[in-house]
Amino acid sequence: HVFLLNLKVLNYIYKLDPMLEDRLGSVLEVVSRTQCQKARETANQSNAMTVKHLILPTKEGLKKIAVDEILVLETMQLRRKVEVLTQDDSYEIARTLKDLLEELPCYFMHSHRSIVLNTRRITEIYVKDGYHQAVMASGEKYSISRNYVKNITRAFQQK
């Protein structure tokens, strides 16, 4: 049946497995990387260039920012906006974090539910009092939720 349905079986679940959580985590990471790779391949096949710039509204009009200059995307809870932080400036835009993430390359990853980091601009990851923190190129520190530590750390090591 697996061959007829063209399923890609990565693993199986045995509910009494003492290593179940670790195995599930590694399988989900493989699925995530595979999906990201497929998205890139699809974009390349349709001759679509990867997003190199974002157009952000400013008080004076619109500004084109190179994606690689972006350090952090953070939701602003009270205003229902996303703050885009670069080395030199910050911009508020009325879009969702989810929508922005779909446009950005795969090296932009959640470090927290409301924070997305450019893993290429992380200069250091350290643990303080049992909590992981990422230091960005600007020197700012952002906490990394334990749900995202493995992905962020792996992306940081591969850059």
N, C-alpha and C. Protein backbone atom coordinates (compact mmCIF):
# COMPACT_ATOMS: atom_id res chain seq x y z
N HIS A 1 0.82 -1.21 0.00
CA HIS A 1 0.00 0.00 0.00
C HIS A 1 0.85 1.27 0.00
N VAL A 2 1.97 1.21 0.68
CA VAL A 2 2.85 2.38 0.73
C VAL A 2 3.31 2.76 -0.67
N PHE A 3 3.65 1.78 -1.49
CA PHE A 3 4.13 2.07 -2.84
C PHE A 3 3.01 2.57 -3.74
N LEU A 4 1.83 2.04 -3.57
CA LEU A 4 0.70 2.46 -4.40
C LEU A 4 0.30 3.91 -4.13
N LEU A 5 0.42 4.32 -2.89
CA LEU A 5 0.03 5.68 -2.52
C LEU A 5 1.18 6.68 -2.63
N ASN A 6 2.38 6.18 -2.96
CA ASN A 6 3.56 7.02 -3.07
C ASN A 6 3.83 7.80 -1.78
N LEU A 7 3.73 7.13 -0.65
CA LEU A 7 3.98 7.74 0.64
C LEU A 7 5.47 7.73 0.96
N LYS A 8 5.91 8.72 1.63
CA LYS A 8 7.30 8.80 2.06
C LYS A 8 7.33 8.51 3.56
N VAL A 9 7.47 7.26 3.91
CA VAL A 9 7.45 6.86 5.31
C VAL A 9 8.81 7.16 5.92
N LEU A 10 8.83 8.00 6.95
CA LEU A 10 10.08 8.38 7.59
C LEU A 10 10.35 7.56 8.84
N ASN A 11 9.32 7.13 9.50
CA ASN A 11 9.49 6.42 10.75
C ASN A 11 8.14 5.85 11.16
N TYR A 12 8.09 5.25 12.28
CA TYR A 12 6.84 4.72 12.81
C TYR A 12 6.71 5.16 14.27
N ILE A 13 5.52 5.07 14.83
CA ILE A 13 5.28 5.48 16.21
C ILE A 13 4.92 4.26 17.04
N TYR A 14 5.69 4.07 18.08
CA TYR A 14 5.42 3.04 19.07
C TYR A 14 5.21 3.77 20.38
N LYS A 15 3.99 3.81 20.86
CA LYS A 15 3.64 4.71 21.96
C LYS A 15 4.39 4.44 23.26
N LEU A 16 4.96 3.24 23.44
CA LEU A 16 5.70 2.93 24.66
C LEU A 16 7.20 3.15 24.51
N ASP A 17 7.62 3.69 23.37
CA ASP A 17 9.02 3.93 23.11
C ASP A 17 9.54 5.02 24.06
N PRO A 18 10.58 4.74 24.84
CA PRO A 18 11.10 5.76 25.76
C PRO A 18 11.76 6.94 25.04
N MET A 19 12.14 6.75 23.79
CA MET A 19 12.79 7.81 23.01
C MET A 19 11.82 8.46 22.02
N LEU A 20 10.53 8.29 22.24
CA LEU A 20 9.53 8.77 21.29
C LEU A 20 9.65 10.26 21.01
N GLU A 21 9.81 11.05 22.05
CA GLU A 21 9.87 12.51 21.88
C GLU A 21 11.06 12.91 21.01
N ASP A 22 12.23 12.31 21.25
CA ASP A 22 13.40 12.63 20.44
C ASP A 22 13.21 12.19 18.99
N ARG A 23 12.66 11.00 18.79
CA ARG A 23 12.45 10.50 17.44
C ARG A 23 11.44 11.37 16.69
N LEU A 24 10.37 11.76 17.37
CA LEU A 24 9.37 12.63 16.74
C LEU A 24 10.00 13.96 16.35
N GLY A 25 10.80 14.50 17.25
CA GLY A 25 11.47 15.78 16.97
C GLY A 25 12.36 15.69 15.74
N SER A 26 13.14 14.63 15.64
CA SER A 26 14.04 14.50 14.49
C SER A 26 13.26 14.28 13.20
N VAL A 27 12.17 13.52 13.25
CA VAL A 27 11.35 13.30 12.05
C VAL A 27 10.70 14.62 11.62
N LEU A 28 10.20 15.39 12.57
CA LEU A 28 9.58 16.67 12.23
C LEU A 28 10.58 17.65 11.63
N GLU A 29 11.83 17.60 12.10
CA GLU A 29 12.87 18.45 11.52
C GLU A 29 13.14 18.06 10.07
N VAL A 30 13.17 16.75 9.81
CA VAL A 30 13.38 16.27 8.44
C VAL A 30 12.24 16.74 7.54
N VAL A 31 11.01 16.61 8.04
CA VAL A 31 9.84 17.05 7.26
C VAL A 31 9.93 18.55 6.98
N SER A 32 10.29 19.32 7.99
CA SER A 32 10.40 20.78 7.83
C SER A 32 11.44 21.14 6.78
N ARG A 33 12.62 20.52 6.87
CA ARG A 33 13.68 20.79 5.90
C ARG A 33 13.25 20.38 4.49
N THR A 34 12.57 19.25 4.39
CA THR A 34 12.11 18.76 3.09
C THR A 34 11.11 19.73 2.48
N GLN A 35 10.17 20.22 3.28
CA GLN A 35 9.17 21.16 2.79
C GLN A 35 9.83 22.45 2.31
N CYS A 36 10.79 22.92 3.09
CA CYS A 36 11.50 24.15 2.73
C CYS A 36 12.24 23.95 1.41
N GLN A 37 12.91 22.82 1.27
CA GLN A 37 13.65 22.52 0.05
C GLN A 37 12.71 22.43 -1.15
N LYS A 38 11.55 21.78 -0.96
CA LYS A 38 10.57 21.67 -2.05
C LYS A 38 10.08 23.05 -2.47
N ALA A 39 9.85 23.91 -1.50
CA ALA A 39 9.38 25.26 -1.81
C ALA A 39 10.42 26.01 -2.65
N ARG A 40 11.69 25.85 -2.28
CA ARG A 40 12.75 26.50 -3.05
C ARG A 40 12.83 25.94 -4.46
N GLU A 41 12.75 24.62 -4.58
CA GLU A 41 12.81 23.99 -5.90
C GLU A 41 11.65 24.46 -6.78
N THR A 42 10.46 24.55 -6.19
CA THR A 42 9.29 25.01 -6.94
C THR A 42 9.50 26.43 -7.41
N ALA A 43 10.04 27.26 -6.55
CA ALA A 43 10.30 28.66 -6.93
C ALA A 43 11.32 28.73 -8.05
N ASN A 44 12.36 27.90 -7.99
CA ASN A 44 13.37 27.89 -9.04
C ASN A 44 12.80 27.37 -10.36
N GLN A 45 11.94 26.37 -10.29
CA GLN A 45 11.37 25.80 -11.51
C GLN A 45 10.46 26.79 -12.21
N SER A 46 9.79 27.61 -11.47
CA SER A 46 8.89 28.59 -12.09
C SER A 46 9.60 29.90 -12.39
N ASN A 47 10.94 29.86 -12.34
CA ASN A 47 11.78 31.02 -12.63
C ASN A 47 11.51 32.20 -11.71
N ALA A 48 10.92 31.91 -10.57
CA ALA A 48 10.69 32.99 -9.60
C ALA A 48 11.96 33.17 -8.78
N MET A 49 12.40 34.37 -8.67
CA MET A 49 13.58 34.65 -7.86
C MET A 49 13.18 34.62 -6.39
N THR A 50 14.12 34.20 -5.54
CA THR A 50 13.83 34.26 -4.12
C THR A 50 13.75 35.72 -3.72
N VAL A 51 12.97 35.99 -2.72
CA VAL A 51 12.76 37.37 -2.29
C VAL A 51 14.08 37.95 -1.81
N LYS A 52 14.50 39.02 -2.43
CA LYS A 52 15.75 39.66 -2.05
C LYS A 52 15.47 40.97 -1.32
N HIS A 53 14.25 41.50 -1.49
CA HIS A 53 13.88 42.76 -0.86
C HIS A 53 12.45 42.70 -0.35
N LEU A 54 12.19 43.46 0.67
CA LEU A 54 10.83 43.68 1.13
C LEU A 54 10.53 45.17 0.97
N ILE A 55 9.33 45.47 0.58
CA ILE A 55 8.90 46.86 0.47
C ILE A 55 8.12 47.17 1.74
N LEU A 56 8.61 48.12 2.52
CA LEU A 56 7.99 48.46 3.79
C LEU A 56 7.51 49.91 3.79
N PRO A 57 6.34 50.15 4.36
CA PRO A 57 5.84 51.53 4.43
C PRO A 57 6.58 52.32 5.50
N THR A 58 6.86 53.57 5.19
CA THR A 58 7.46 54.49 6.16
C THR A 58 6.57 55.72 6.23
N LYS A 59 6.92 56.66 7.08
CA LYS A 59 6.13 57.90 7.19
C LYS A 59 6.19 58.71 5.90
N GLU A 60 7.32 58.59 5.19
CA GLU A 60 7.51 59.35 3.96
C GLU A 60 6.98 58.63 2.73
N GLY A 61 6.73 57.33 2.82
CA GLY A 61 6.28 56.57 1.65
C GLY A 61 6.63 55.10 1.80
N LEU A 62 7.38 54.58 0.83
CA LEU A 62 7.78 53.18 0.84
C LEU A 62 9.30 53.07 0.81
N LYS A 63 9.81 52.02 1.44
CA LYS A 63 11.26 51.81 1.45
C LYS A 63 11.53 50.36 1.10
N LYS A 64 12.53 50.16 0.24
CA LYS A 64 12.95 48.82 -0.16
C LYS A 64 14.12 48.41 0.74
N ILE A 65 13.96 47.27 1.42
CA ILE A 65 14.99 46.78 2.34
C ILE A 65 15.47 45.42 1.86
N ALA A 66 16.77 45.23 1.84
CA ALA A 66 17.33 43.91 1.50
C ALA A 66 16.95 42.93 2.62
N VAL A 67 16.51 41.76 2.23
CA VAL A 67 16.09 40.74 3.20
C VAL A 67 17.22 40.40 4.16
N ASP A 68 18.45 40.35 3.65
CA ASP A 68 19.59 40.00 4.50
C ASP A 68 19.88 41.05 5.58
N GLU A 69 19.37 42.27 5.41
CA GLU A 69 19.56 43.31 6.43
C GLU A 69 18.61 43.13 7.61
N ILE A 70 17.54 42.40 7.41
CA ILE A 70 16.55 42.21 8.48
C ILE A 70 17.13 41.29 9.55
N LEU A 71 17.05 41.73 10.79
CA LEU A 71 17.53 40.93 11.92
C LEU A 71 16.39 40.16 12.56
N VAL A 72 15.30 40.87 12.86
CA VAL A 72 14.22 40.31 13.66
C VAL A 72 12.87 40.79 13.16
N LEU A 73 11.89 39.91 13.24
CA LEU A 73 10.49 40.27 13.03
C LEU A 73 9.78 39.96 14.35
N GLU A 74 9.07 40.92 14.88
CA GLU A 74 8.42 40.72 16.17
C GLU A 74 7.00 41.28 16.15
N THR A 75 6.04 40.47 16.60
CA THR A 75 4.67 40.96 16.64
C THR A 75 4.52 41.98 17.75
N MET A 76 3.73 42.99 17.48
CA MET A 76 3.42 44.02 18.47
C MET A 76 2.01 43.72 18.94
N GLN A 77 1.87 43.14 20.10
CA GLN A 77 0.59 42.62 20.58
C GLN A 77 -0.51 43.67 20.63
N LEU A 78 -0.23 44.84 21.14
CA LEU A 78 -1.28 45.84 21.33
C LEU A 78 -1.71 46.49 20.03
N ARG A 79 -0.81 46.57 19.05
CA ARG A 79 -1.13 47.28 17.82
C ARG A 79 -1.50 46.35 16.66
N ARG A 80 -1.37 45.05 16.85
CA ARG A 80 -1.64 44.07 15.79
C ARG A 80 -0.84 44.36 14.54
N LYS A 81 0.42 44.63 14.75
CA LYS A 81 1.35 44.89 13.66
C LYS A 81 2.61 44.06 13.89
N VAL A 82 3.48 44.06 12.89
CA VAL A 82 4.78 43.41 13.01
C VAL A 82 5.85 44.48 12.93
N GLU A 83 6.80 44.40 13.84
CA GLU A 83 7.93 45.31 13.82
C GLU A 83 9.08 44.59 13.12
N VAL A 84 9.61 45.23 12.08
CA VAL A 84 10.74 44.70 11.33
C VAL A 84 11.97 45.47 11.78
N LEU A 85 12.93 44.76 12.36
CA LEU A 85 14.13 45.40 12.88
C LEU A 85 15.33 45.10 12.00
N THR A 86 16.06 46.16 11.64
CA THR A 86 17.32 46.01 10.93
C THR A 86 18.43 46.52 11.84
N GLN A 87 19.65 46.49 11.36
CA GLN A 87 20.79 46.98 12.15
C GLN A 87 20.60 48.44 12.55
N ASP A 88 20.05 49.24 11.63
CA ASP A 88 19.99 50.68 11.85
C ASP A 88 18.61 51.25 12.11
N ASP A 89 17.55 50.49 11.81
CA ASP A 89 16.22 51.08 11.86
C ASP A 89 15.17 50.05 12.23
N SER A 90 13.95 50.52 12.47
CA SER A 90 12.82 49.61 12.69
C SER A 90 11.60 50.16 11.96
N TYR A 91 10.75 49.24 11.52
CA TYR A 91 9.58 49.59 10.74
C TYR A 91 8.39 48.82 11.29
N GLU A 92 7.24 49.47 11.32
CA GLU A 92 5.99 48.81 11.73
C GLU A 92 5.15 48.59 10.48
N ILE A 93 4.69 47.35 10.31
CA ILE A 93 3.85 47.08 9.16
C ILE A 93 2.60 46.33 9.60
N ALA A 94 1.52 46.60 8.92
CA ALA A 94 0.23 45.99 9.25
C ALA A 94 0.06 44.69 8.48
N ARG A 95 0.88 43.70 8.83
CA ARG A 95 0.79 42.36 8.24
C ARG A 95 1.00 41.35 9.35
N THR A 96 0.68 40.12 9.08
CA THR A 96 0.88 39.10 10.10
C THR A 96 2.27 38.49 9.95
N LEU A 97 2.77 37.97 11.05
CA LEU A 97 4.06 37.31 11.05
C LEU A 97 4.04 36.10 10.12
N LYS A 98 2.94 35.40 10.12
CA LYS A 98 2.79 34.21 9.27
C LYS A 98 2.91 34.58 7.79
N ASP A 99 2.25 35.65 7.37
CA ASP A 99 2.32 36.09 5.97
C ASP A 99 3.75 36.48 5.58
N LEU A 100 4.42 37.20 6.44
CA LEU A 100 5.79 37.62 6.16
C LEU A 100 6.71 36.41 6.06
N LEU A 101 6.54 35.45 6.95
CA LEU A 101 7.39 34.26 6.95
C LEU A 101 7.26 33.47 5.65
N GLU A 102 6.08 33.46 5.07
CA GLU A 102 5.88 32.74 3.81
C GLU A 102 6.66 33.37 2.67
N GLU A 103 6.95 34.65 2.75
CA GLU A 103 7.69 35.35 1.71
C GLU A 103 9.20 35.25 1.89
N LEU A 104 9.64 35.04 3.12
CA LEU A 104 11.06 35.10 3.43
C LEU A 104 11.75 33.76 3.25
N PRO A 105 13.07 33.77 3.06
CA PRO A 105 13.82 32.52 2.92
C PRO A 105 13.75 31.66 4.18
N CYS A 106 14.12 30.40 4.05
CA CYS A 106 14.00 29.43 5.14
C CYS A 106 14.92 29.71 6.33
N TYR A 107 15.90 30.58 6.17
CA TYR A 107 16.77 30.86 7.31
C TYR A 107 16.15 31.86 8.29
N PHE A 108 14.94 32.33 8.01
CA PHE A 108 14.17 33.10 8.99
C PHE A 108 13.34 32.09 9.77
N MET A 109 13.58 32.00 11.07
CA MET A 109 12.92 30.99 11.89
C MET A 109 12.38 31.57 13.18
N HIS A 110 11.31 30.96 13.65
CA HIS A 110 10.75 31.33 14.95
C HIS A 110 11.75 31.01 16.05
N SER A 111 11.92 31.93 16.97
CA SER A 111 12.66 31.65 18.20
C SER A 111 11.68 31.66 19.36
N HIS A 112 10.52 32.17 19.08
CA HIS A 112 9.45 32.31 20.05
C HIS A 112 8.18 32.44 19.22
N ARG A 113 7.04 32.25 19.83
CA ARG A 113 5.80 32.34 19.06
C ARG A 113 5.64 33.69 18.36
N SER A 114 6.12 34.75 18.99
CA SER A 114 5.93 36.08 18.42
C SER A 114 7.20 36.70 17.86
N ILE A 115 8.28 35.91 17.77
CA ILE A 115 9.56 36.44 17.29
C ILE A 115 10.15 35.52 16.22
N VAL A 116 10.59 36.13 15.13
CA VAL A 116 11.29 35.40 14.06
C VAL A 116 12.67 36.03 13.91
N LEU A 117 13.71 35.18 13.90
CA LEU A 117 15.07 35.67 13.77
C LEU A 117 15.66 35.29 12.41
N ASN A 118 16.52 36.15 11.91
CA ASN A 118 17.32 35.83 10.74
C ASN A 118 18.52 35.06 11.26
N THR A 119 18.53 33.75 11.08
CA THR A 119 19.59 32.91 11.69
C THR A 119 20.96 33.23 11.11
N ARG A 120 21.01 33.86 9.96
CA ARG A 120 22.31 34.25 9.38
C ARG A 120 22.90 35.46 10.09
N ARG A 121 22.09 36.16 10.86
CA ARG A 121 22.57 37.36 11.57
C ARG A 121 22.74 37.11 13.06
N ILE A 122 22.66 35.85 13.49
CA ILE A 122 22.92 35.51 14.89
C ILE A 122 24.43 35.39 15.05
N THR A 123 24.98 36.06 16.05
CA THR A 123 26.43 35.99 16.28
C THR A 123 26.78 35.03 17.41
N GLU A 124 25.82 34.74 18.29
CA GLU A 124 26.11 33.88 19.44
C GLU A 124 24.81 33.32 19.99
N ILE A 125 24.88 32.09 20.47
CA ILE A 125 23.78 31.49 21.22
C ILE A 125 24.36 31.02 22.54
N TYR A 126 23.75 31.42 23.63
CA TYR A 126 24.26 30.99 24.93
C TYR A 126 23.11 30.67 25.87
N VAL A 127 23.45 30.00 26.96
CA VAL A 127 22.47 29.61 27.96
C VAL A 127 22.74 30.40 29.23
N LYS A 128 21.71 31.05 29.75
CA LYS A 128 21.83 31.80 31.00
C LYS A 128 20.66 31.40 31.89
N ASP A 129 20.96 30.90 33.06
CA ASP A 129 19.95 30.46 34.02
C ASP A 129 18.99 29.43 33.41
N GLY A 130 19.51 28.59 32.54
CA GLY A 130 18.70 27.55 31.93
C GLY A 130 17.89 27.98 30.72
N TYR A 131 18.01 29.23 30.32
CA TYR A 131 17.28 29.75 29.16
C TYR A 131 18.25 30.09 28.04
N HIS A 132 17.88 29.70 26.83
CA HIS A 132 18.71 29.99 25.66
C HIS A 132 18.43 31.39 25.16
N GLN A 133 19.51 32.05 24.72
CA GLN A 133 19.36 33.38 24.14
C GLN A 133 20.22 33.49 22.89
N ALA A 134 19.71 34.23 21.92
CA ALA A 134 20.46 34.49 20.69
C ALA A 134 20.89 35.95 20.71
N VAL A 135 22.15 36.17 20.39
CA VAL A 135 22.68 37.53 20.26
C VAL A 135 22.75 37.84 18.77
N MET A 136 22.09 38.92 18.38
CA MET A 136 22.04 39.30 16.98
C MET A 136 23.23 40.21 16.64
N ALA A 137 23.43 40.47 15.37
CA ALA A 137 24.53 41.32 14.90
C ALA A 137 24.47 42.71 15.52
N SER A 138 23.29 43.16 15.88
CA SER A 138 23.13 44.49 16.49
C SER A 138 23.51 44.49 17.97
N GLY A 139 23.70 43.29 18.55
CA GLY A 139 24.00 43.18 19.98
C GLY A 139 22.78 42.89 20.82
N GLU A 140 21.60 43.04 20.22
CA GLU A 140 20.35 42.74 20.94
C GLU A 140 20.26 41.25 21.24
N LYS A 141 19.65 40.93 22.37
CA LYS A 141 19.47 39.54 22.78
C LYS A 141 18.00 39.17 22.73
N TYR A 142 17.73 37.97 22.23
CA TYR A 142 16.36 37.47 22.13
C TYR A 142 16.31 36.06 22.70
N SER A 143 15.28 35.82 23.49
CA SER A 143 15.14 34.49 24.08
C SER A 143 14.71 33.49 23.01
N ILE A 144 15.12 32.24 23.22
CA ILE A 144 14.74 31.16 22.32
C ILE A 144 13.92 30.18 23.13
N SER A 145 12.69 29.99 22.75
CA SER A 145 11.80 29.05 23.42
C SER A 145 12.35 27.64 23.25
N ARG A 146 12.13 26.81 24.24
CA ARG A 146 12.66 25.43 24.16
C ARG A 146 12.07 24.67 22.98
N ASN A 147 10.90 25.08 22.49
CA ASN A 147 10.31 24.43 21.31
C ASN A 147 11.12 24.70 20.04
N TYR A 148 11.89 25.78 20.02
CA TYR A 148 12.61 26.17 18.81
C TYR A 148 14.12 26.08 18.95
N VAL A 149 14.64 25.67 20.10
CA VAL A 149 16.08 25.66 20.34
C VAL A 149 16.82 24.79 19.33
N LYS A 150 16.34 23.59 19.08
CA LYS A 150 17.05 22.68 18.17
C LYS A 150 17.14 23.26 16.76
N ASN A 151 16.03 23.77 16.25
CA ASN A 151 16.03 24.31 14.89
C ASN A 151 16.93 25.53 14.76
N ILE A 152 16.85 26.45 15.72
CA ILE A 152 17.66 27.66 15.68
C ILE A 152 19.14 27.29 15.79
N THR A 153 19.47 26.42 16.73
CA THR A 153 20.87 26.02 16.94
C THR A 153 21.43 25.34 15.70
N ARG A 154 20.66 24.45 15.11
CA ARG A 154 21.11 23.75 13.89
C ARG A 154 21.33 24.75 12.75
N ALA A 155 20.41 25.67 12.56
CA ALA A 155 20.54 26.67 11.50
C ALA A 155 21.75 27.57 11.76
N PHE A 156 21.98 27.93 13.00
CA PHE A 156 23.12 28.77 13.38
C PHE A 156 24.43 28.05 13.07
N GLN A 157 24.50 26.77 13.36
CA GLN A 157 25.73 25.99 13.13
C GLN A 157 26.00 25.79 11.64
N GLN A 158 24.96 25.81 10.82
CA GLN A 158 25.13 25.56 9.39
C GLN A 158 25.41 26.81 8.58
N LYS A 159 25.31 27.98 9.18
CA LYS A 159 25.45 29.20 8.36
C LYS A 159 26.83 29.44 7.86
